[in-house]
Amino acid sequence: MSLLEVRGVRVLATHGVLPEERERAQPFEFDLDVHLDMTKAAASDELDDTVDYSYIVQLAVDVVTGPSCNLIEKLATDMGKAVLAYDERVTAVDVALRKTHPPVPHDLAWAGVRLTVSR
């Protein structure tokens, strides 16, 4: 198995439990680790023999900018499910999702979750 890495995608979206989190867009950042066999693509040098990471990023962005979720755990799971559904060659997706300005009364760089969605 191989790993396709996507790092530091930034998106504005409205997720959270508090009313202000659902009314005003806030910054989110995510990373994806997409597990798949890259042997054929490595030999052929053809995009059709692997997954298109630009499409995977767009799938995840569409989820993040879609309907609001209360919890980032649900949002990260939905992102992983969307990537899994894209291509049967993907066996698992690790999602790291961060709110970079969470509504807490402390100096906090970010709050987030890291989870794996698999077949």
N, C-alpha and C. Protein backbone atom coordinates (compact mmCIF):
# COMPACT_ATOMS: atom_id res chain seq x y z
N MET A 1 0.83 -1.18 0.00
CA MET A 1 0.00 0.00 0.00
C MET A 1 0.88 1.24 0.00
N SER A 2 0.39 2.25 -0.64
CA SER A 2 1.08 3.54 -0.71
C SER A 2 0.18 4.61 -0.12
N LEU A 3 0.74 5.80 0.00
CA LEU A 3 0.03 6.89 0.66
C LEU A 3 0.15 8.15 -0.18
N LEU A 4 -0.99 8.71 -0.57
CA LEU A 4 -1.04 10.00 -1.24
C LEU A 4 -1.33 11.04 -0.17
N GLU A 5 -0.44 12.03 -0.03
CA GLU A 5 -0.57 13.04 1.02
C GLU A 5 -1.01 14.37 0.44
N VAL A 6 -1.98 14.99 1.10
CA VAL A 6 -2.43 16.34 0.78
C VAL A 6 -2.33 17.12 2.08
N ARG A 7 -1.67 18.26 2.06
CA ARG A 7 -1.40 18.99 3.30
C ARG A 7 -1.82 20.46 3.23
N GLY A 8 -2.41 20.92 4.34
CA GLY A 8 -2.64 22.34 4.56
C GLY A 8 -3.67 23.02 3.68
N VAL A 9 -4.74 22.31 3.31
CA VAL A 9 -5.80 22.94 2.52
C VAL A 9 -6.62 23.84 3.45
N ARG A 10 -6.80 25.09 3.05
CA ARG A 10 -7.51 26.07 3.89
C ARG A 10 -8.84 26.45 3.24
N VAL A 11 -9.88 26.47 4.06
CA VAL A 11 -11.24 26.74 3.59
C VAL A 11 -11.99 27.54 4.64
N LEU A 12 -12.86 28.43 4.22
CA LEU A 12 -13.78 29.12 5.13
C LEU A 12 -15.12 28.39 5.11
N ALA A 13 -15.66 28.13 6.30
CA ALA A 13 -16.91 27.39 6.38
C ALA A 13 -17.62 27.70 7.70
N THR A 14 -18.85 27.21 7.81
CA THR A 14 -19.68 27.48 8.99
C THR A 14 -20.08 26.18 9.67
N HIS A 15 -19.29 25.74 10.63
CA HIS A 15 -19.57 24.53 11.39
C HIS A 15 -19.35 24.82 12.86
N GLY A 16 -20.14 24.19 13.70
CA GLY A 16 -19.96 24.34 15.14
C GLY A 16 -21.28 24.30 15.87
N VAL A 17 -21.18 24.23 17.17
CA VAL A 17 -22.35 24.16 18.04
C VAL A 17 -22.91 25.55 18.33
N LEU A 18 -22.02 26.53 18.45
CA LEU A 18 -22.45 27.88 18.82
C LEU A 18 -23.10 28.59 17.63
N PRO A 19 -24.14 29.38 17.89
CA PRO A 19 -24.83 30.09 16.80
C PRO A 19 -23.88 30.93 15.94
N GLU A 20 -22.93 31.63 16.57
CA GLU A 20 -22.03 32.48 15.79
C GLU A 20 -21.13 31.66 14.85
N GLU A 21 -20.87 30.39 15.19
CA GLU A 21 -20.06 29.54 14.32
C GLU A 21 -20.82 29.16 13.06
N ARG A 22 -22.14 29.16 13.14
CA ARG A 22 -22.97 28.79 12.00
C ARG A 22 -23.37 30.01 11.16
N GLU A 23 -23.20 31.20 11.73
CA GLU A 23 -23.60 32.42 11.04
C GLU A 23 -22.44 33.11 10.32
N ARG A 24 -21.24 32.96 10.86
CA ARG A 24 -20.08 33.64 10.29
C ARG A 24 -19.02 32.60 9.94
N ALA A 25 -18.58 32.63 8.69
CA ALA A 25 -17.57 31.66 8.24
C ALA A 25 -16.29 31.81 9.06
N GLN A 26 -15.69 30.68 9.35
CA GLN A 26 -14.45 30.64 10.11
C GLN A 26 -13.44 29.76 9.36
N PRO A 27 -12.16 29.96 9.60
CA PRO A 27 -11.15 29.19 8.86
C PRO A 27 -10.99 27.76 9.38
N PHE A 28 -10.93 26.85 8.44
CA PHE A 28 -10.63 25.45 8.69
C PHE A 28 -9.40 25.09 7.85
N GLU A 29 -8.66 24.10 8.31
CA GLU A 29 -7.52 23.59 7.57
C GLU A 29 -7.55 22.07 7.67
N PHE A 30 -7.21 21.39 6.56
CA PHE A 30 -7.22 19.93 6.64
C PHE A 30 -6.07 19.31 5.86
N ASP A 31 -5.75 18.09 6.28
CA ASP A 31 -4.78 17.22 5.62
C ASP A 31 -5.49 15.91 5.31
N LEU A 32 -5.10 15.28 4.22
CA LEU A 32 -5.62 13.97 3.86
C LEU A 32 -4.45 13.03 3.59
N ASP A 33 -4.56 11.80 4.07
CA ASP A 33 -3.68 10.71 3.68
C ASP A 33 -4.56 9.66 3.03
N VAL A 34 -4.35 9.44 1.75
CA VAL A 34 -5.19 8.53 0.97
C VAL A 34 -4.39 7.25 0.71
N HIS A 35 -4.91 6.15 1.21
CA HIS A 35 -4.23 4.85 1.09
C HIS A 35 -4.70 4.14 -0.18
N LEU A 36 -3.75 3.78 -1.02
CA LEU A 36 -4.05 3.03 -2.24
C LEU A 36 -2.78 2.40 -2.77
N ASP A 37 -2.94 1.46 -3.69
CA ASP A 37 -1.79 0.83 -4.33
C ASP A 37 -1.38 1.69 -5.53
N MET A 38 -0.15 2.19 -5.51
CA MET A 38 0.34 3.05 -6.59
C MET A 38 1.29 2.33 -7.55
N THR A 39 1.38 1.02 -7.44
CA THR A 39 2.33 0.25 -8.25
C THR A 39 2.11 0.46 -9.74
N LYS A 40 0.86 0.36 -10.18
CA LYS A 40 0.56 0.50 -11.61
C LYS A 40 0.89 1.90 -12.10
N ALA A 41 0.54 2.92 -11.35
CA ALA A 41 0.82 4.31 -11.75
C ALA A 41 2.32 4.58 -11.80
N ALA A 42 3.05 4.01 -10.86
CA ALA A 42 4.50 4.21 -10.84
C ALA A 42 5.15 3.61 -12.09
N ALA A 43 4.60 2.52 -12.58
CA ALA A 43 5.16 1.87 -13.77
C ALA A 43 4.70 2.56 -15.06
N SER A 44 3.44 2.98 -15.11
CA SER A 44 2.88 3.52 -16.35
C SER A 44 3.07 5.02 -16.52
N ASP A 45 3.18 5.75 -15.41
CA ASP A 45 3.26 7.21 -15.43
C ASP A 45 1.99 7.84 -16.02
N GLU A 46 0.85 7.18 -15.79
CA GLU A 46 -0.44 7.63 -16.31
C GLU A 46 -1.38 7.98 -15.16
N LEU A 47 -2.05 9.13 -15.28
CA LEU A 47 -2.99 9.56 -14.25
C LEU A 47 -4.14 8.59 -14.07
N ASP A 48 -4.57 7.95 -15.14
CA ASP A 48 -5.68 6.99 -15.04
C ASP A 48 -5.36 5.80 -14.14
N ASP A 49 -4.08 5.58 -13.86
CA ASP A 49 -3.67 4.44 -13.03
C ASP A 49 -3.53 4.80 -11.55
N THR A 50 -3.97 5.99 -11.19
CA THR A 50 -3.95 6.41 -9.79
C THR A 50 -5.17 7.27 -9.53
N VAL A 51 -5.23 7.92 -8.39
CA VAL A 51 -6.32 8.85 -8.11
C VAL A 51 -5.82 10.28 -8.31
N ASP A 52 -6.69 11.12 -8.76
CA ASP A 52 -6.37 12.52 -9.06
C ASP A 52 -6.48 13.33 -7.77
N TYR A 53 -5.36 13.78 -7.23
CA TYR A 53 -5.42 14.48 -5.94
C TYR A 53 -6.14 15.82 -6.03
N SER A 54 -6.15 16.46 -7.20
CA SER A 54 -6.90 17.71 -7.31
C SER A 54 -8.40 17.45 -7.17
N TYR A 55 -8.86 16.32 -7.69
CA TYR A 55 -10.27 15.96 -7.55
C TYR A 55 -10.60 15.60 -6.11
N ILE A 56 -9.70 14.88 -5.46
CA ILE A 56 -9.89 14.52 -4.05
C ILE A 56 -9.98 15.77 -3.18
N VAL A 57 -9.11 16.73 -3.43
CA VAL A 57 -9.16 17.99 -2.68
C VAL A 57 -10.51 18.67 -2.89
N GLN A 58 -10.98 18.71 -4.14
CA GLN A 58 -12.27 19.36 -4.40
C GLN A 58 -13.42 18.63 -3.71
N LEU A 59 -13.39 17.30 -3.68
CA LEU A 59 -14.42 16.54 -2.96
C LEU A 59 -14.46 16.95 -1.49
N ALA A 60 -13.29 17.01 -0.88
CA ALA A 60 -13.21 17.35 0.54
C ALA A 60 -13.64 18.80 0.78
N VAL A 61 -13.22 19.71 -0.08
CA VAL A 61 -13.63 21.11 0.04
C VAL A 61 -15.15 21.23 -0.09
N ASP A 62 -15.73 20.50 -1.02
CA ASP A 62 -17.19 20.53 -1.19
C ASP A 62 -17.91 20.10 0.08
N VAL A 63 -17.36 19.11 0.78
CA VAL A 63 -17.96 18.67 2.04
C VAL A 63 -17.83 19.77 3.10
N VAL A 64 -16.63 20.33 3.22
CA VAL A 64 -16.40 21.35 4.25
C VAL A 64 -17.25 22.59 3.99
N THR A 65 -17.42 22.98 2.75
CA THR A 65 -18.21 24.17 2.43
C THR A 65 -19.69 23.87 2.26
N GLY A 66 -20.08 22.63 2.47
CA GLY A 66 -21.47 22.22 2.35
C GLY A 66 -22.26 22.48 3.61
N PRO A 67 -23.31 21.70 3.82
CA PRO A 67 -24.17 21.89 4.99
C PRO A 67 -23.40 21.84 6.31
N SER A 68 -23.84 22.67 7.25
CA SER A 68 -23.17 22.77 8.55
C SER A 68 -23.33 21.51 9.39
N CYS A 69 -22.28 21.20 10.12
CA CYS A 69 -22.29 20.13 11.12
C CYS A 69 -22.03 20.77 12.48
N ASN A 70 -22.57 20.17 13.51
CA ASN A 70 -22.26 20.62 14.87
C ASN A 70 -20.82 20.29 15.23
N LEU A 71 -20.39 19.07 14.91
CA LEU A 71 -19.11 18.55 15.37
C LEU A 71 -18.14 18.33 14.22
N ILE A 72 -16.87 18.66 14.47
CA ILE A 72 -15.87 18.42 13.43
C ILE A 72 -15.59 16.93 13.26
N GLU A 73 -15.93 16.13 14.24
CA GLU A 73 -15.80 14.67 14.09
C GLU A 73 -16.69 14.18 12.95
N LYS A 74 -17.91 14.67 12.89
CA LYS A 74 -18.84 14.30 11.82
C LYS A 74 -18.35 14.83 10.49
N LEU A 75 -17.91 16.07 10.48
CA LEU A 75 -17.42 16.69 9.26
C LEU A 75 -16.22 15.93 8.69
N ALA A 76 -15.26 15.58 9.53
CA ALA A 76 -14.08 14.83 9.08
C ALA A 76 -14.47 13.45 8.55
N THR A 77 -15.42 12.80 9.20
CA THR A 77 -15.89 11.49 8.74
C THR A 77 -16.55 11.62 7.37
N ASP A 78 -17.38 12.64 7.18
CA ASP A 78 -18.02 12.86 5.88
C ASP A 78 -17.00 13.13 4.79
N MET A 79 -15.93 13.84 5.11
CA MET A 79 -14.86 14.08 4.14
C MET A 79 -14.22 12.77 3.72
N GLY A 80 -13.89 11.93 4.70
CA GLY A 80 -13.28 10.64 4.40
C GLY A 80 -14.19 9.75 3.57
N LYS A 81 -15.48 9.74 3.89
CA LYS A 81 -16.44 8.94 3.13
C LYS A 81 -16.54 9.41 1.68
N ALA A 82 -16.49 10.72 1.46
CA ALA A 82 -16.56 11.25 0.10
C ALA A 82 -15.37 10.80 -0.73
N VAL A 83 -14.19 10.82 -0.13
CA VAL A 83 -12.99 10.38 -0.86
C VAL A 83 -13.04 8.88 -1.12
N LEU A 84 -13.48 8.09 -0.15
CA LEU A 84 -13.61 6.64 -0.36
C LEU A 84 -14.58 6.33 -1.50
N ALA A 85 -15.67 7.06 -1.57
CA ALA A 85 -16.68 6.80 -2.60
C ALA A 85 -16.19 7.16 -4.00
N TYR A 86 -15.21 8.03 -4.09
CA TYR A 86 -14.69 8.49 -5.38
C TYR A 86 -14.04 7.37 -6.19
N ASP A 87 -13.30 6.49 -5.53
CA ASP A 87 -12.54 5.49 -6.28
C ASP A 87 -12.36 4.24 -5.43
N GLU A 88 -12.71 3.10 -6.00
CA GLU A 88 -12.62 1.83 -5.26
C GLU A 88 -11.19 1.42 -4.94
N ARG A 89 -10.21 2.04 -5.60
CA ARG A 89 -8.81 1.74 -5.30
C ARG A 89 -8.36 2.33 -3.96
N VAL A 90 -9.11 3.31 -3.47
CA VAL A 90 -8.80 3.91 -2.17
C VAL A 90 -9.29 2.96 -1.08
N THR A 91 -8.39 2.54 -0.21
CA THR A 91 -8.76 1.58 0.85
C THR A 91 -9.05 2.26 2.18
N ALA A 92 -8.45 3.43 2.39
CA ALA A 92 -8.68 4.17 3.64
C ALA A 92 -8.26 5.62 3.42
N VAL A 93 -8.82 6.50 4.26
CA VAL A 93 -8.47 7.92 4.22
C VAL A 93 -8.28 8.39 5.65
N ASP A 94 -7.11 8.95 5.93
CA ASP A 94 -6.86 9.60 7.21
C ASP A 94 -7.17 11.08 7.02
N VAL A 95 -8.01 11.62 7.88
CA VAL A 95 -8.39 13.03 7.79
C VAL A 95 -7.93 13.72 9.06
N ALA A 96 -7.20 14.82 8.90
CA ALA A 96 -6.87 15.70 10.02
C ALA A 96 -7.56 17.02 9.71
N LEU A 97 -8.49 17.43 10.57
CA LEU A 97 -9.28 18.63 10.35
C LEU A 97 -9.11 19.56 11.54
N ARG A 98 -8.79 20.83 11.25
CA ARG A 98 -8.52 21.80 12.31
C ARG A 98 -9.35 23.06 12.12
N LYS A 99 -9.87 23.58 13.25
CA LYS A 99 -10.40 24.94 13.29
C LYS A 99 -9.23 25.81 13.73
N THR A 100 -8.84 26.74 12.88
CA THR A 100 -7.63 27.50 13.20
C THR A 100 -7.91 28.71 14.10
N HIS A 101 -9.15 29.05 14.30
CA HIS A 101 -9.52 30.12 15.24
C HIS A 101 -10.75 29.70 16.02
N PRO A 102 -10.65 28.65 16.83
CA PRO A 102 -11.84 28.17 17.55
C PRO A 102 -12.30 29.19 18.59
N PRO A 103 -13.59 29.19 18.89
CA PRO A 103 -14.13 30.17 19.84
C PRO A 103 -13.87 29.78 21.29
N VAL A 104 -12.64 29.95 21.72
CA VAL A 104 -12.28 29.68 23.12
C VAL A 104 -11.58 30.91 23.68
N PRO A 105 -11.71 31.16 24.96
CA PRO A 105 -11.13 32.38 25.54
C PRO A 105 -9.65 32.23 25.93
N HIS A 106 -8.88 31.55 25.08
CA HIS A 106 -7.46 31.34 25.36
C HIS A 106 -6.67 31.48 24.07
N ASP A 107 -5.36 31.66 24.19
CA ASP A 107 -4.49 31.72 23.04
C ASP A 107 -4.26 30.29 22.55
N LEU A 108 -5.00 29.91 21.53
CA LEU A 108 -5.01 28.54 21.03
C LEU A 108 -4.73 28.57 19.53
N ALA A 109 -3.71 27.87 19.08
CA ALA A 109 -3.37 27.85 17.66
C ALA A 109 -4.47 27.19 16.83
N TRP A 110 -4.96 26.06 17.29
CA TRP A 110 -6.05 25.38 16.61
C TRP A 110 -6.59 24.26 17.48
N ALA A 111 -7.79 23.80 17.14
CA ALA A 111 -8.39 22.61 17.75
C ALA A 111 -8.84 21.73 16.60
N GLY A 112 -8.65 20.43 16.74
CA GLY A 112 -9.00 19.58 15.62
C GLY A 112 -9.15 18.13 15.98
N VAL A 113 -9.41 17.35 14.94
CA VAL A 113 -9.54 15.90 15.07
C VAL A 113 -8.69 15.24 14.00
N ARG A 114 -8.31 14.02 14.27
CA ARG A 114 -7.62 13.17 13.30
C ARG A 114 -8.30 11.81 13.37
N LEU A 115 -8.79 11.33 12.23
CA LEU A 115 -9.48 10.04 12.23
C LEU A 115 -9.26 9.32 10.91
N THR A 116 -9.58 8.04 10.90
CA THR A 116 -9.44 7.21 9.71
C THR A 116 -10.79 6.66 9.30
N VAL A 117 -11.08 6.76 8.01
CA VAL A 117 -12.29 6.16 7.44
C VAL A 117 -11.81 5.11 6.46
N SER A 118 -12.30 3.88 6.62
CA SER A 118 -11.84 2.81 5.74
C SER A 118 -13.01 1.96 5.26
N ARG A 119 -12.72 1.13 4.28
CA ARG A 119 -13.74 0.24 3.72
C ARG A 119 -14.03 -0.89 4.68
